C-alpha atoms as a PDB file:
ATOM      1  CA  MET A   1     119.564  18.152 122.455  1.00  0.00           C
ATOM      2  CA  ILE A   2     121.705  19.834 125.114  1.00  0.00           C
ATOM      3  CA  LYS A   3     120.396  19.246 128.635  1.00  0.00           C
ATOM      4  CA  ALA A   4     123.301  20.366 130.859  1.00  0.00           C
ATOM      5  CA  VAL A   5     126.325  22.679 130.726  1.00  0.00           C
ATOM      6  CA  PHE A   6     129.434  22.567 132.947  1.00  0.00           C
ATOM      7  CA  PHE A   7     131.525  25.703 133.424  1.00  0.00           C
ATOM      8  CA  ASP A   8     135.032  26.234 134.688  1.00  0.00           C
ATOM      9  CA  LEU A   9     135.010  29.611 136.445  1.00  0.00           C
ATOM     10  CA  ASP A  10     138.364  31.409 136.608  1.00  0.00           C
ATOM     11  CA  GLY A  11     139.595  32.286 133.140  1.00  0.00           C
ATOM     12  CA  THR A  12     136.454  30.874 131.539  1.00  0.00           C
ATOM     13  CA  LEU A  13     133.029  31.979 132.790  1.00  0.00           C
ATOM     14  CA  LEU A  14     134.485  34.814 134.900  1.00  0.00           C
ATOM     15  CA  ASN A  15     136.317  37.747 133.353  1.00  0.00           C
ATOM     16  CA  SER A  16     139.793  38.846 134.415  1.00  0.00           C
ATOM     17  CA  LYS A  17     138.293  40.787 137.324  1.00  0.00           C
ATOM     18  CA  LYS A  18     136.770  37.529 138.646  1.00  0.00           C
ATOM     19  CA  GLU A  19     133.316  38.842 137.788  1.00  0.00           C
ATOM     20  CA  LEU A  20     130.294  37.324 136.095  1.00  0.00           C
ATOM     21  CA  SER A  21     129.360  39.932 133.488  1.00  0.00           C
ATOM     22  CA  SER A  22     125.780  41.091 133.046  1.00  0.00           C
ATOM     23  CA  LYS A  23     125.829  39.638 129.533  1.00  0.00           C
ATOM     24  CA  THR A  24     126.911  36.227 130.778  1.00  0.00           C
ATOM     25  CA  LYS A  25     124.379  36.240 133.609  1.00  0.00           C
ATOM     26  CA  SER A  26     121.543  37.061 131.207  1.00  0.00           C
ATOM     27  CA  VAL A  27     122.487  34.163 128.940  1.00  0.00           C
ATOM     28  CA  LEU A  28     122.644  31.771 131.907  1.00  0.00           C
ATOM     29  CA  VAL A  29     119.165  32.899 132.917  1.00  0.00           C
ATOM     30  CA  LYS A  30     117.920  32.169 129.379  1.00  0.00           C
ATOM     31  CA  CYS A  31     119.508  28.703 129.491  1.00  0.00           C
ATOM     32  CA  ARG A  32     117.713  27.947 132.749  1.00  0.00           C
ATOM     33  CA  GLU A  33     114.428  29.222 131.328  1.00  0.00           C
ATOM     34  CA  SER A  34     114.839  26.848 128.372  1.00  0.00           C
ATOM     35  CA  GLY A  35     115.230  23.878 130.755  1.00  0.00           C
ATOM     36  CA  ILE A  36     119.010  23.441 130.587  1.00  0.00           C
ATOM     37  CA  LYS A  37     120.704  22.506 133.877  1.00  0.00           C
ATOM     38  CA  LEU A  38     123.836  24.473 134.776  1.00  0.00           C
ATOM     39  CA  PHE A  39     126.778  23.259 136.865  1.00  0.00           C
ATOM     40  CA  VAL A  40     130.128  24.712 137.894  1.00  0.00           C
ATOM     41  CA  ALA A  41     133.300  22.686 137.363  1.00  0.00           C
ATOM     42  CA  THR A  42     135.917  24.587 139.312  1.00  0.00           C
ATOM     43  CA  ALA A  43     139.054  24.265 141.411  1.00  0.00           C
ATOM     44  CA  ARG A  44     137.371  26.523 143.980  1.00  0.00           C
ATOM     45  CA  PRO A  45     135.603  25.226 147.111  1.00  0.00           C
ATOM     46  CA  PRO A  46     131.789  25.302 147.303  1.00  0.00           C
ATOM     47  CA  ILE A  47     131.598  28.673 149.045  1.00  0.00           C
ATOM     48  CA  LEU A  48     131.132  30.873 145.985  1.00  0.00           C
ATOM     49  CA  GLY A  49     128.773  33.169 147.837  1.00  0.00           C
ATOM     50  CA  ARG A  50     131.729  34.205 149.990  1.00  0.00           C
ATOM     51  CA  SER A  51     134.714  33.920 147.633  1.00  0.00           C
ATOM     52  CA  LEU A  52     133.004  35.594 144.652  1.00  0.00           C
ATOM     53  CA  CYS A  53     130.357  37.581 146.566  1.00  0.00           C
ATOM     54  CA  TRP A  54     127.607  35.877 144.586  1.00  0.00           C
ATOM     55  CA  ASP A  55     124.093  36.489 145.862  1.00  0.00           C
ATOM     56  CA  ASP A  56     121.131  34.118 145.603  1.00  0.00           C
ATOM     57  CA  SER A  57     120.200  35.442 142.169  1.00  0.00           C
ATOM     58  CA  VAL A  58     123.479  33.989 140.834  1.00  0.00           C
ATOM     59  CA  LEU A  59     123.843  30.950 143.077  1.00  0.00           C
ATOM     60  CA  SER A  60     120.321  29.798 142.198  1.00  0.00           C
ATOM     61  CA  LEU A  61     121.279  29.566 138.526  1.00  0.00           C
ATOM     62  CA  PHE A  62     123.355  26.448 139.246  1.00  0.00           C
ATOM     63  CA  ASP A  63     122.096  22.982 140.136  1.00  0.00           C
ATOM     64  CA  GLY A  64     125.373  21.993 141.847  1.00  0.00           C
ATOM     65  CA  GLY A  65     128.713  21.045 140.453  1.00  0.00           C
ATOM     66  CA  SER A  66     132.279  19.870 140.740  1.00  0.00           C
ATOM     67  CA  TYR A  67     134.516  21.672 143.242  1.00  0.00           C
ATOM     68  CA  TYR A  68     138.199  21.295 144.210  1.00  0.00           C
ATOM     69  CA  ASN A  69     138.764  19.924 140.667  1.00  0.00           C
ATOM     70  CA  GLY A  70     136.308  17.129 141.447  1.00  0.00           C
ATOM     71  CA  GLY A  71     137.344  16.560 145.052  1.00  0.00           C
ATOM     72  CA  CYS A  72     133.835  17.551 146.095  1.00  0.00           C
ATOM     73  CA  VAL A  73     130.639  16.882 144.150  1.00  0.00           C
ATOM     74  CA  VAL A  74     127.530  18.868 145.069  1.00  0.00           C
ATOM     75  CA  MET A  75     124.019  17.946 143.975  1.00  0.00           C
ATOM     76  CA  GLY A  76     121.283  19.941 145.679  1.00  0.00           C
ATOM     77  CA  ASN A  77     121.905  19.660 149.417  1.00  0.00           C
ATOM     78  CA  GLU A  78     124.162  16.614 149.088  1.00  0.00           C
ATOM     79  CA  LYS A  79     127.945  16.975 149.207  1.00  0.00           C
ATOM     80  CA  HIS A  80     130.487  14.190 148.662  1.00  0.00           C
ATOM     81  CA  TYR A  81     134.235  14.577 149.328  1.00  0.00           C
ATOM     82  CA  THR A  82     137.172  12.478 148.102  1.00  0.00           C
ATOM     83  CA  PRO A  83     140.194  13.134 150.381  1.00  0.00           C
ATOM     84  CA  ILE A  84     143.910  12.830 149.664  1.00  0.00           C
ATOM     85  CA  SER A  85     145.808  10.199 151.634  1.00  0.00           C
ATOM     86  CA  THR A  86     147.368  11.571 154.817  1.00  0.00           C
ATOM     87  CA  ASP A  87     150.749  10.145 153.762  1.00  0.00           C
ATOM     88  CA  ILE A  88     150.800  12.224 150.565  1.00  0.00           C
ATOM     89  CA  VAL A  89     149.696  15.328 152.455  1.00  0.00           C
ATOM     90  CA  LYS A  90     152.557  14.965 154.929  1.00  0.00           C
ATOM     91  CA  LYS A  91     155.141  14.325 152.190  1.00  0.00           C
ATOM     92  CA  CYS A  92     153.992  17.382 150.217  1.00  0.00           C
ATOM     93  CA  ILE A  93     154.181  19.592 153.294  1.00  0.00           C
ATOM     94  CA  ASP A  94     157.661  18.321 154.110  1.00  0.00           C
ATOM     95  CA  GLU A  95     158.838  18.975 150.539  1.00  0.00           C
ATOM     96  CA  VAL A  96     157.414  22.498 150.337  1.00  0.00           C
ATOM     97  CA  THR A  97     158.886  23.543 153.682  1.00  0.00           C
ATOM     98  CA  LEU A  98     162.349  23.012 152.190  1.00  0.00           C
ATOM     99  CA  TYR A  99     161.706  26.078 150.024  1.00  0.00           C
ATOM    100  CA  LYS A 100     161.634  29.489 151.662  1.00  0.00           C
ATOM    101  CA  GLY A 101     158.748  31.769 150.721  1.00  0.00           C
ATOM    102  CA  VAL A 102     156.611  29.137 149.024  1.00  0.00           C
ATOM    103  CA  ASN A 103     153.174  28.834 150.553  1.00  0.00           C
ATOM    104  CA  ILE A 104     151.105  25.675 150.791  1.00  0.00           C
ATOM    105  CA  ALA A 105     147.375  25.695 151.449  1.00  0.00           C
ATOM    106  CA  LEU A 106     145.403  22.650 152.523  1.00  0.00           C
ATOM    107  CA  GLN A 107     141.748  22.859 151.545  1.00  0.00           C
ATOM    108  CA  LEU A 108     140.002  20.670 154.064  1.00  0.00           C
ATOM    109  CA  GLU A 109     136.616  19.022 154.471  1.00  0.00           C
ATOM    110  CA  ASN A 110     133.775  21.397 155.321  1.00  0.00           C
ATOM    111  CA  GLU A 111     135.690  24.181 153.563  1.00  0.00           C
ATOM    112  CA  LYS A 112     138.302  24.741 156.253  1.00  0.00           C
ATOM    113  CA  HIS A 113     141.681  26.081 155.108  1.00  0.00           C
ATOM    114  CA  ALA A 114     145.198  25.784 156.549  1.00  0.00           C
ATOM    115  CA  PHE A 115     148.240  27.745 155.334  1.00  0.00           C
ATOM    116  CA  ARG A 116     151.995  27.498 155.815  1.00  0.00           C
ATOM    117  CA  TYR A 117     152.294  31.289 155.811  1.00  0.00           C
ATOM    118  CA  PRO A 118     149.448  33.592 156.861  1.00  0.00           C
ATOM    119  CA  LEU A 119     148.046  35.894 154.185  1.00  0.00           C
ATOM    120  CA  LYS A 120     147.333  39.586 154.551  1.00  0.00           C
ATOM    121  CA  ASP A 121     144.006  40.011 156.339  1.00  0.00           C
ATOM    122  CA  GLU A 122     142.324  41.473 153.248  1.00  0.00           C
ATOM    123  CA  ASP A 123     143.546  38.629 151.015  1.00  0.00           C
ATOM    124  CA  TYR A 124     141.525  35.935 152.758  1.00  0.00           C
ATOM    125  CA  MET A 125     138.331  37.303 151.184  1.00  0.00           C
ATOM    126  CA  SER A 126     139.244  35.857 147.778  1.00  0.00           C
ATOM    127  CA  TRP A 127     139.423  32.432 149.455  1.00  0.00           C
ATOM    128  CA  GLY A 128     135.988  32.893 150.996  1.00  0.00           C
ATOM    129  CA  LEU A 129     137.479  33.206 154.495  1.00  0.00           C
ATOM    130  CA  SER A 130     138.115  35.665 157.246  1.00  0.00           C
ATOM    131  CA  ALA A 131     141.576  35.901 158.794  1.00  0.00           C
ATOM    132  CA  GLU A 132     140.162  34.419 162.006  1.00  0.00           C
ATOM    133  CA  GLU A 133     138.970  31.293 160.187  1.00  0.00           C
ATOM    134  CA  ALA A 134     142.358  30.444 158.657  1.00  0.00           C
ATOM    135  CA  LEU A 135     144.257  27.595 160.311  1.00  0.00           C
ATOM    136  CA  THR A 136     147.955  26.845 160.556  1.00  0.00           C
ATOM    137  CA  LEU A 137     149.351  23.529 159.356  1.00  0.00           C
ATOM    138  CA  ASP A 138     149.676  22.251 162.928  1.00  0.00           C
ATOM    139  CA  GLN A 139     145.988  22.885 163.601  1.00  0.00           C
ATOM    140  CA  ILE A 140     144.508  20.488 161.058  1.00  0.00           C
ATOM    141  CA  ASN A 141     144.541  17.517 163.477  1.00  0.00           C
ATOM    142  CA  ASP A 142     142.602  14.667 161.872  1.00  0.00           C
ATOM    143  CA  MET A 143     140.707  16.763 159.299  1.00  0.00           C
ATOM    144  CA  GLN A 144     140.785  15.323 155.802  1.00  0.00           C
ATOM    145  CA  THR A 145     142.537  17.265 153.031  1.00  0.00           C
ATOM    146  CA  ILE A 146     140.595  17.550 149.764  1.00  0.00           C
ATOM    147  CA  LYS A 147     143.058  19.651 147.747  1.00  0.00           C
ATOM    148  CA  ILE A 148     146.597  20.970 148.130  1.00  0.00           C
ATOM    149  CA  LEU A 149     147.735  24.251 146.575  1.00  0.00           C
ATOM    150  CA  VAL A 150     151.348  25.402 146.288  1.00  0.00           C
ATOM    151  CA  PHE A 151     151.980  29.021 145.284  1.00  0.00           C
ATOM    152  CA  TYR A 152     153.588  32.383 146.054  1.00  0.00           C
ATOM    153  CA  ALA A 153     151.847  35.507 147.398  1.00  0.00           C
ATOM    154  CA  ASN A 154     148.034  35.258 147.492  1.00  0.00           C
ATOM    155  CA  LEU A 155     147.879  32.928 144.472  1.00  0.00           C
ATOM    156  CA  ILE A 156     145.341  34.967 142.484  1.00  0.00           C
ATOM    157  CA  ASP A 157     147.786  37.879 142.164  1.00  0.00           C
ATOM    158  CA  SER A 158     150.991  35.834 142.114  1.00  0.00           C
ATOM    159  CA  VAL A 159     153.453  36.591 139.316  1.00  0.00           C
ATOM    160  CA  THR A 160     156.131  34.093 140.378  1.00  0.00           C
ATOM    161  CA  PRO A 161     156.325  30.598 138.852  1.00  0.00           C
ATOM    162  CA  ILE A 162     156.996  27.728 141.238  1.00  0.00           C
ATOM    163  CA  ASP A 163     160.638  26.635 141.362  1.00  0.00           C
ATOM    164  CA  ARG A 164     161.171  23.857 138.809  1.00  0.00           C
ATOM    165  CA  GLY A 165     162.951  21.672 141.334  1.00  0.00           C
ATOM    166  CA  LEU A 166     159.961  21.808 143.680  1.00  0.00           C
ATOM    167  CA  VAL A 167     157.534  21.130 140.826  1.00  0.00           C
ATOM    168  CA  ASP A 168     159.512  18.069 139.791  1.00  0.00           C
ATOM    169  CA  SER A 169     159.752  16.778 143.360  1.00  0.00           C
ATOM    170  CA  LEU A 170     156.022  17.167 143.979  1.00  0.00           C
ATOM    171  CA  GLU A 171     155.122  15.579 140.674  1.00  0.00           C
ATOM    172  CA  LYS A 172     157.362  12.615 141.485  1.00  0.00           C
ATOM    173  CA  LEU A 173     155.656  12.239 144.883  1.00  0.00           C
ATOM    174  CA  CYS A 174     152.281  12.139 143.175  1.00  0.00           C
ATOM    175  CA  ILE A 175     153.052   9.511 140.523  1.00  0.00           C
ATOM    176  CA  ASP A 176     150.583   6.639 140.997  1.00  0.00           C
ATOM    177  CA  THR A 177     149.370   8.091 144.325  1.00  0.00           C
ATOM    178  CA  ALA A 178     147.736  11.480 143.679  1.00  0.00           C
ATOM    179  CA  ARG A 179     146.461  13.749 140.894  1.00  0.00           C
ATOM    180  CA  PHE A 180     148.956  16.511 140.005  1.00  0.00           C
ATOM    181  CA  TYR A 181     148.392  19.669 137.938  1.00  0.00           C
ATOM    182  CA  LEU A 182     150.726  22.596 137.239  1.00  0.00           C
ATOM    183  CA  THR A 183     148.328  25.447 136.381  1.00  0.00           C
ATOM    184  CA  ASP A 184     148.162  29.230 136.083  1.00  0.00           C
ATOM    185  CA  LYS A 185     151.119  29.307 133.677  1.00  0.00           C
ATOM    186  CA  GLY A 186     153.367  27.530 136.164  1.00  0.00           C
ATOM    187  CA  LYS A 187     152.416  29.657 139.174  1.00  0.00           C
ATOM    188  CA  CYS A 188     150.327  27.054 141.009  1.00  0.00           C
ATOM    189  CA  VAL A 189     150.559  23.353 141.809  1.00  0.00           C
ATOM    190  CA  GLN A 190     147.252  21.625 142.531  1.00  0.00           C
ATOM    191  CA  ILE A 191     147.092  18.149 144.067  1.00  0.00           C
ATOM    192  CA  MET A 192     144.038  15.960 144.690  1.00  0.00           C
ATOM    193  CA  ALA A 193     143.330  12.294 145.324  1.00  0.00           C
ATOM    194  CA  ARG A 194     144.438  10.044 142.456  1.00  0.00           C
ATOM    195  CA  SER A 195     140.864   9.191 141.451  1.00  0.00           C
ATOM    196  CA  VAL A 196     139.832  12.852 141.287  1.00  0.00           C
ATOM    197  CA  ASN A 197     139.436  15.112 138.271  1.00  0.00           C
ATOM    198  CA  LYS A 198     136.661  17.263 136.839  1.00  0.00           C
ATOM    199  CA  LEU A 199     135.692  14.621 134.291  1.00  0.00           C
ATOM    200  CA  GLY A 200     135.071  12.010 136.973  1.00  0.00           C
ATOM    201  CA  SER A 201     132.756  14.289 138.927  1.00  0.00           C
ATOM    202  CA  ILE A 202     130.915  15.331 135.772  1.00  0.00           C
ATOM    203  CA  THR A 203     130.451  11.672 134.887  1.00  0.00           C
ATOM    204  CA  SER A 204     128.914  10.983 138.294  1.00  0.00           C
ATOM    205  CA  ILE A 205     126.499  13.901 137.880  1.00  0.00           C
ATOM    206  CA  MET A 206     125.612  12.698 134.383  1.00  0.00           C
ATOM    207  CA  SER A 207     124.854   9.254 135.790  1.00  0.00           C
ATOM    208  CA  VAL A 208     122.508  10.661 138.439  1.00  0.00           C
ATOM    209  CA  LEU A 209     120.667  12.729 135.825  1.00  0.00           C
ATOM    210  CA  GLY A 210     120.630   9.966 133.218  1.00  0.00           C
ATOM    211  CA  LEU A 211     122.490  12.086 130.661  1.00  0.00           C
ATOM    212  CA  THR A 212     124.752  11.024 127.798  1.00  0.00           C
ATOM    213  CA  LYS A 213     127.827  12.854 126.534  1.00  0.00           C
ATOM    214  CA  ASN A 214     126.037  14.235 123.488  1.00  0.00           C
ATOM    215  CA  GLU A 215     123.625  16.023 125.841  1.00  0.00           C
ATOM    216  CA  ILE A 216     126.241  18.113 127.681  1.00  0.00           C
ATOM    217  CA  ILE A 217     128.700  20.927 126.986  1.00  0.00           C
ATOM    218  CA  SER A 218     131.871  21.622 129.006  1.00  0.00           C
ATOM    219  CA  PHE A 219     133.813  24.923 128.998  1.00  0.00           C
ATOM    220  CA  GLY A 220     137.375  25.432 130.261  1.00  0.00           C
ATOM    221  CA  ASP A 221     140.738  27.140 129.888  1.00  0.00           C
ATOM    222  CA  ASP A 222     143.503  25.510 131.949  1.00  0.00           C
ATOM    223  CA  ILE A 223     145.369  22.222 132.300  1.00  0.00           C
ATOM    224  CA  ASN A 224     142.949  20.871 134.904  1.00  0.00           C
ATOM    225  CA  ASP A 225     140.173  21.160 132.298  1.00  0.00           C
ATOM    226  CA  ILE A 226     141.786  18.901 129.684  1.00  0.00           C
ATOM    227  CA  GLU A 227     140.074  15.623 130.643  1.00  0.00           C
ATOM    228  CA  MET A 228     136.726  17.404 130.940  1.00  0.00           C
ATOM    229  CA  LEU A 229     136.953  19.049 127.505  1.00  0.00           C
ATOM    230  CA  ARG A 230     138.331  15.959 125.814  1.00  0.00           C
ATOM    231  CA  GLU A 231     135.736  13.496 127.110  1.00  0.00           C
ATOM    232  CA  GLY A 232     132.989  15.469 128.869  1.00  0.00           C
ATOM    233  CA  GLY A 233     130.568  15.917 125.990  1.00  0.00           C
ATOM    234  CA  ILE A 234     131.072  18.863 123.616  1.00  0.00           C
ATOM    235  CA  GLY A 235     134.292  20.510 124.786  1.00  0.00           C
ATOM    236  CA  VAL A 236     134.677  24.261 124.294  1.00  0.00           C
ATOM    237  CA  ALA A 237     137.859  26.191 125.161  1.00  0.00           C
ATOM    238  CA  VAL A 238     137.957  29.961 125.483  1.00  0.00           C
ATOM    239  CA  ALA A 239     140.412  31.748 123.181  1.00  0.00           C
ATOM    240  CA  ASN A 240     142.591  32.684 126.174  1.00  0.00           C
ATOM    241  CA  ALA A 241     142.982  29.013 127.147  1.00  0.00           C
ATOM    242  CA  ALA A 242     146.329  27.233 127.343  1.00  0.00           C
ATOM    243  CA  ASP A 243     147.412  25.769 124.007  1.00  0.00           C
ATOM    244  CA  GLU A 244     147.181  22.223 125.379  1.00  0.00           C
ATOM    245  CA  VAL A 245     143.542  22.845 126.292  1.00  0.00           C
ATOM    246  CA  LYS A 246     142.610  24.320 122.918  1.00  0.00           C
ATOM    247  CA  ALA A 247     144.232  21.322 121.246  1.00  0.00           C
ATOM    248  CA  VAL A 248     141.720  18.870 122.783  1.00  0.00           C
ATOM    249  CA  ALA A 249     138.605  21.064 122.490  1.00  0.00           C
ATOM    250  CA  ASP A 250     135.904  20.505 119.902  1.00  0.00           C
ATOM    251  CA  HIS A 251     135.344  24.248 119.580  1.00  0.00           C
ATOM    252  CA  ILE A 252     137.052  27.527 120.481  1.00  0.00           C
ATOM    253  CA  CYS A 253     134.955  30.498 121.617  1.00  0.00           C
ATOM    254  CA  ASP A 254     135.964  34.114 122.249  1.00  0.00           C
ATOM    255  CA  THR A 255     137.934  35.112 125.356  1.00  0.00           C
ATOM    256  CA  ASN A 256     136.555  35.304 128.879  1.00  0.00           C
ATOM    257  CA  ASP A 257     136.860  39.100 128.772  1.00  0.00           C
ATOM    258  CA  ASN A 258     134.718  39.231 125.619  1.00  0.00           C
ATOM    259  CA  ASP A 259     131.874  37.104 127.047  1.00  0.00           C
ATOM    260  CA  GLY A 260     133.071  34.205 124.908  1.00  0.00           C
ATOM    261  CA  VAL A 261     131.087  31.521 126.745  1.00  0.00           C
ATOM    262  CA  ALA A 262     127.842  33.514 126.672  1.00  0.00           C
ATOM    263  CA  ARG A 263     128.149  34.446 123.007  1.00  0.00           C
ATOM    264  CA  TRP A 264     128.938  30.860 122.012  1.00  0.00           C
ATOM    265  CA  LEU A 265     125.919  29.546 123.919  1.00  0.00           C
ATOM    266  CA  GLU A 266     123.695  32.143 122.275  1.00  0.00           C
ATOM    267  CA  GLY A 267     124.769  30.986 118.851  1.00  0.00           C
ATOM    268  CA  MET A 268     124.735  27.271 119.625  1.00  0.00           C
ATOM    269  CA  LEU A 269     121.501  27.063 121.605  1.00  0.00           C
ATOM    270  CA  ASN A 270     119.628  30.086 120.239  1.00  0.00           C
ATOM    271  CA  VAL A 271     118.921  31.371 123.748  1.00  0.00           C
END
């Protein structure tokens, strides 16, 4: 019997417009009504009300989740962070600053953000920030970094892959010391603490709830979802997922733009 479901957001539960469709929302409501607990498992920070403009009717559907790819676990009102070592943060910043035009964002404890290059004022909204809240790299002081992002433009609308030399250098820096993902078809590098991934945070939530793997379902689409889909209960990849992700999934559902997650849950759980 399924007792909990974990959802990646971008490219999976959300459509290409970063929206939760009415169809998907209605199925999530039915899952909740049938007693199934719902959790997000996302690279985003836990400020979805701001970054996705979700109101309480959506936020209340979820019991918590895994944020920053597992760098922050939220259960009810409790929030636990796992920071990256300050040495790795400094080395990554130094490496990125050798490349003109490449931005680096530090996602900090308590959902603060620092950027190498400022974004356009209107672009901060997709990060859940205002322009006034954004910090520069020399303003982080002793704040702990939870996740590092390396990208061009505003990330969500970037069309430029990261230079291969920079990718290789960052990956080499992270060997044995940090968790490294190249996502978004090569357009984004994501770095967390070595012990962090979505699977680890899901496992901790499962432990608190007393759940076993055969009682959960995990949905995803990108490289940072591989561990979760391979070992986090029943793994389901959307049809638009990366090939490497579909290869480890137990099932493939329709695309995110065709309400694939919702339709698969309807068929599987009869909700």
